[in-house]
C-alpha atoms as a PDB file:
ATOM      1  CA  MET A   1     -45.109  60.156 -50.863  1.00  0.00           C
ATOM      2  CA  ALA A   2     -48.049  58.220 -51.892  1.00  0.00           C
ATOM      3  CA  PHE A   3     -46.876  55.118 -49.887  1.00  0.00           C
ATOM      4  CA  PHE A   4     -46.452  57.254 -46.627  1.00  0.00           C
ATOM      5  CA  GLY A   5     -49.525  58.953 -47.100  1.00  0.00           C
ATOM      6  CA  GLY A   6     -51.643  55.677 -46.782  1.00  0.00           C
ATOM      7  CA  ALA A   7     -53.742  54.795 -43.957  1.00  0.00           C
ATOM      8  CA  GLU A   8     -51.747  53.278 -40.973  1.00  0.00           C
ATOM      9  CA  ASP A   9     -52.169  49.451 -41.121  1.00  0.00           C
ATOM     10  CA  GLY A  10     -49.983  47.802 -38.638  1.00  0.00           C
ATOM     11  CA  PRO A  11     -46.972  45.633 -39.110  1.00  0.00           C
ATOM     12  CA  PHE A  12     -45.527  44.856 -42.677  1.00  0.00           C
ATOM     13  CA  VAL A  13     -42.427  43.499 -44.177  1.00  0.00           C
ATOM     14  CA  MET A  14     -40.640  45.358 -46.950  1.00  0.00           C
ATOM     15  CA  VAL A  15     -38.981  43.273 -49.818  1.00  0.00           C
ATOM     16  CA  ASN A  16     -35.811  44.714 -51.156  1.00  0.00           C
ATOM     17  CA  LEU A  17     -34.472  43.591 -54.359  1.00  0.00           C
ATOM     18  CA  LEU A  18     -30.768  44.452 -54.560  1.00  0.00           C
ATOM     19  CA  LYS A  19     -28.280  44.550 -57.804  1.00  0.00           C
ATOM     20  CA  PHE A  20     -24.758  45.474 -56.925  1.00  0.00           C
ATOM     21  CA  ARG A  21     -22.231  47.355 -58.915  1.00  0.00           C
ATOM     22  CA  ASP A  22     -18.813  45.816 -59.345  1.00  0.00           C
ATOM     23  CA  LYS A  23     -17.274  48.599 -57.352  1.00  0.00           C
ATOM     24  CA  ALA A  24     -18.779  51.041 -54.965  1.00  0.00           C
ATOM     25  CA  ALA A  25     -19.631  54.357 -56.518  1.00  0.00           C
ATOM     26  CA  TYR A  26     -19.797  57.244 -54.004  1.00  0.00           C
ATOM     27  CA  PRO A  27     -20.428  60.776 -55.315  1.00  0.00           C
ATOM     28  CA  ASP A  28     -17.165  61.934 -53.522  1.00  0.00           C
ATOM     29  CA  GLY A  29     -15.213  59.063 -55.075  1.00  0.00           C
ATOM     30  CA  SER A  30     -14.453  57.495 -51.515  1.00  0.00           C
ATOM     31  CA  ASP A  31     -13.991  53.884 -50.919  1.00  0.00           C
ATOM     32  CA  ALA A  32     -13.321  52.980 -54.653  1.00  0.00           C
ATOM     33  CA  HIS A  33     -11.835  49.885 -53.268  1.00  0.00           C
ATOM     34  CA  LEU A  34     -15.017  48.349 -51.909  1.00  0.00           C
ATOM     35  CA  SER A  35     -17.246  46.152 -54.070  1.00  0.00           C
ATOM     36  CA  GLY A  36     -20.778  47.132 -54.275  1.00  0.00           C
ATOM     37  CA  PHE A  37     -21.556  44.072 -52.079  1.00  0.00           C
ATOM     38  CA  GLU A  38     -19.186  45.075 -49.469  1.00  0.00           C
ATOM     39  CA  ALA A  39     -20.562  48.808 -49.577  1.00  0.00           C
ATOM     40  CA  PHE A  40     -24.075  47.313 -49.046  1.00  0.00           C
ATOM     41  CA  LEU A  41     -22.919  45.152 -46.062  1.00  0.00           C
ATOM     42  CA  ARG A  42     -21.683  48.343 -44.430  1.00  0.00           C
ATOM     43  CA  TYR A  43     -24.775  50.106 -45.352  1.00  0.00           C
ATOM     44  CA  GLY A  44     -26.976  47.220 -43.946  1.00  0.00           C
ATOM     45  CA  LYS A  45     -25.424  47.311 -40.707  1.00  0.00           C
ATOM     46  CA  ALA A  46     -26.205  50.753 -40.177  1.00  0.00           C
ATOM     47  CA  VAL A  47     -29.844  50.479 -41.535  1.00  0.00           C
ATOM     48  CA  GLY A  48     -30.169  47.396 -39.313  1.00  0.00           C
ATOM     49  CA  ASP A  49     -29.462  49.524 -36.092  1.00  0.00           C
ATOM     50  CA  MET A  50     -31.933  52.011 -37.180  1.00  0.00           C
ATOM     51  CA  ILE A  51     -34.603  49.447 -37.987  1.00  0.00           C
ATOM     52  CA  ARG A  52     -34.248  47.807 -34.392  1.00  0.00           C
ATOM     53  CA  ALA A  53     -34.305  51.451 -32.932  1.00  0.00           C
ATOM     54  CA  VAL A  54     -37.932  51.963 -34.119  1.00  0.00           C
ATOM     55  CA  GLY A  55     -38.967  48.218 -33.057  1.00  0.00           C
ATOM     56  CA  GLY A  56     -38.415  46.443 -36.444  1.00  0.00           C
ATOM     57  CA  ARG A  57     -35.993  43.693 -37.372  1.00  0.00           C
ATOM     58  CA  GLN A  58     -34.115  42.619 -40.498  1.00  0.00           C
ATOM     59  CA  GLY A  59     -35.367  39.337 -41.903  1.00  0.00           C
ATOM     60  CA  TYR A  60     -33.989  36.838 -44.389  1.00  0.00           C
ATOM     61  CA  ALA A  61     -31.275  38.063 -46.631  1.00  0.00           C
ATOM     62  CA  GLY A  62     -29.569  35.986 -49.179  1.00  0.00           C
ATOM     63  CA  PRO A  63     -28.684  35.539 -53.006  1.00  0.00           C
ATOM     64  CA  VAL A  64     -31.239  35.229 -55.633  1.00  0.00           C
ATOM     65  CA  THR A  65     -30.482  31.968 -57.531  1.00  0.00           C
ATOM     66  CA  GLY A  66     -33.491  31.578 -59.718  1.00  0.00           C
ATOM     67  CA  LEU A  67     -37.033  32.289 -60.554  1.00  0.00           C
ATOM     68  CA  MET A  68     -39.920  29.972 -60.089  1.00  0.00           C
ATOM     69  CA  LEU A  69     -42.364  32.028 -62.261  1.00  0.00           C
ATOM     70  CA  GLY A  70     -41.863  34.553 -64.892  1.00  0.00           C
ATOM     71  CA  GLU A  71     -38.773  35.901 -66.763  1.00  0.00           C
ATOM     72  CA  VAL A  72     -36.398  38.598 -66.466  1.00  0.00           C
ATOM     73  CA  GLU A  73     -33.214  39.653 -68.469  1.00  0.00           C
ATOM     74  CA  GLU A  74     -31.105  39.512 -65.410  1.00  0.00           C
ATOM     75  CA  LEU A  75     -31.586  38.186 -61.887  1.00  0.00           C
ATOM     76  CA  TRP A  76     -31.304  40.525 -58.742  1.00  0.00           C
ATOM     77  CA  ASP A  77     -28.142  39.813 -56.901  1.00  0.00           C
ATOM     78  CA  MET A  78     -29.858  39.534 -53.414  1.00  0.00           C
ATOM     79  CA  VAL A  79     -33.371  39.904 -51.597  1.00  0.00           C
ATOM     80  CA  ALA A  80     -33.474  41.213 -48.173  1.00  0.00           C
ATOM     81  CA  LEU A  81     -36.513  41.623 -45.893  1.00  0.00           C
ATOM     82  CA  ALA A  82     -37.115  44.097 -43.307  1.00  0.00           C
ATOM     83  CA  GLU A  83     -40.034  43.943 -40.840  1.00  0.00           C
ATOM     84  CA  TYR A  84     -41.664  47.056 -39.480  1.00  0.00           C
ATOM     85  CA  PRO A  85     -44.026  47.379 -36.774  1.00  0.00           C
ATOM     86  CA  SER A  86     -45.886  50.280 -38.566  1.00  0.00           C
ATOM     87  CA  LEU A  87     -45.806  52.921 -41.338  1.00  0.00           C
ATOM     88  CA  ALA A  88     -45.016  55.335 -38.964  1.00  0.00           C
ATOM     89  CA  ALA A  89     -41.816  53.346 -37.872  1.00  0.00           C
ATOM     90  CA  MET A  90     -40.428  53.255 -41.326  1.00  0.00           C
ATOM     91  CA  ARG A  91     -41.316  56.816 -41.947  1.00  0.00           C
ATOM     92  CA  ALA A  92     -39.194  57.869 -38.921  1.00  0.00           C
ATOM     93  CA  ILE A  93     -36.214  56.081 -40.718  1.00  0.00           C
ATOM     94  CA  VAL A  94     -36.862  57.151 -44.150  1.00  0.00           C
ATOM     95  CA  ARG A  95     -38.038  60.736 -43.729  1.00  0.00           C
ATOM     96  CA  PRO A  96     -36.954  61.803 -39.991  1.00  0.00           C
ATOM     97  CA  GLY A  97     -38.285  65.176 -40.688  1.00  0.00           C
ATOM     98  CA  LEU A  98     -41.966  63.955 -41.235  1.00  0.00           C
ATOM     99  CA  ARG A  99     -44.082  63.841 -38.022  1.00  0.00           C
ATOM    100  CA  ASP A 100     -47.349  62.217 -37.709  1.00  0.00           C
ATOM    101  CA  SER A 101     -50.357  64.482 -37.336  1.00  0.00           C
END
């Protein structure tokens, strides 16, 4: 909530660092035949539609192949960028019940 409570500051890009399971794991056990990556592709399409509906766009998405600086035990599988026109636009997707005052 601290993020969404910040002052409105115009357009921004959200960086998503993604790590996929070998198999999708839904609480109800559905779609167990999907890989984590396949489940993400389905999710990404639905979220992309929502992002576009608030005036944003999906940016670059691709595999993480290495690091230029720093060290980690295990690399992320993928990085995906999402551009939002405002904090309010992102809030409308993440917390549809929240309304600006």
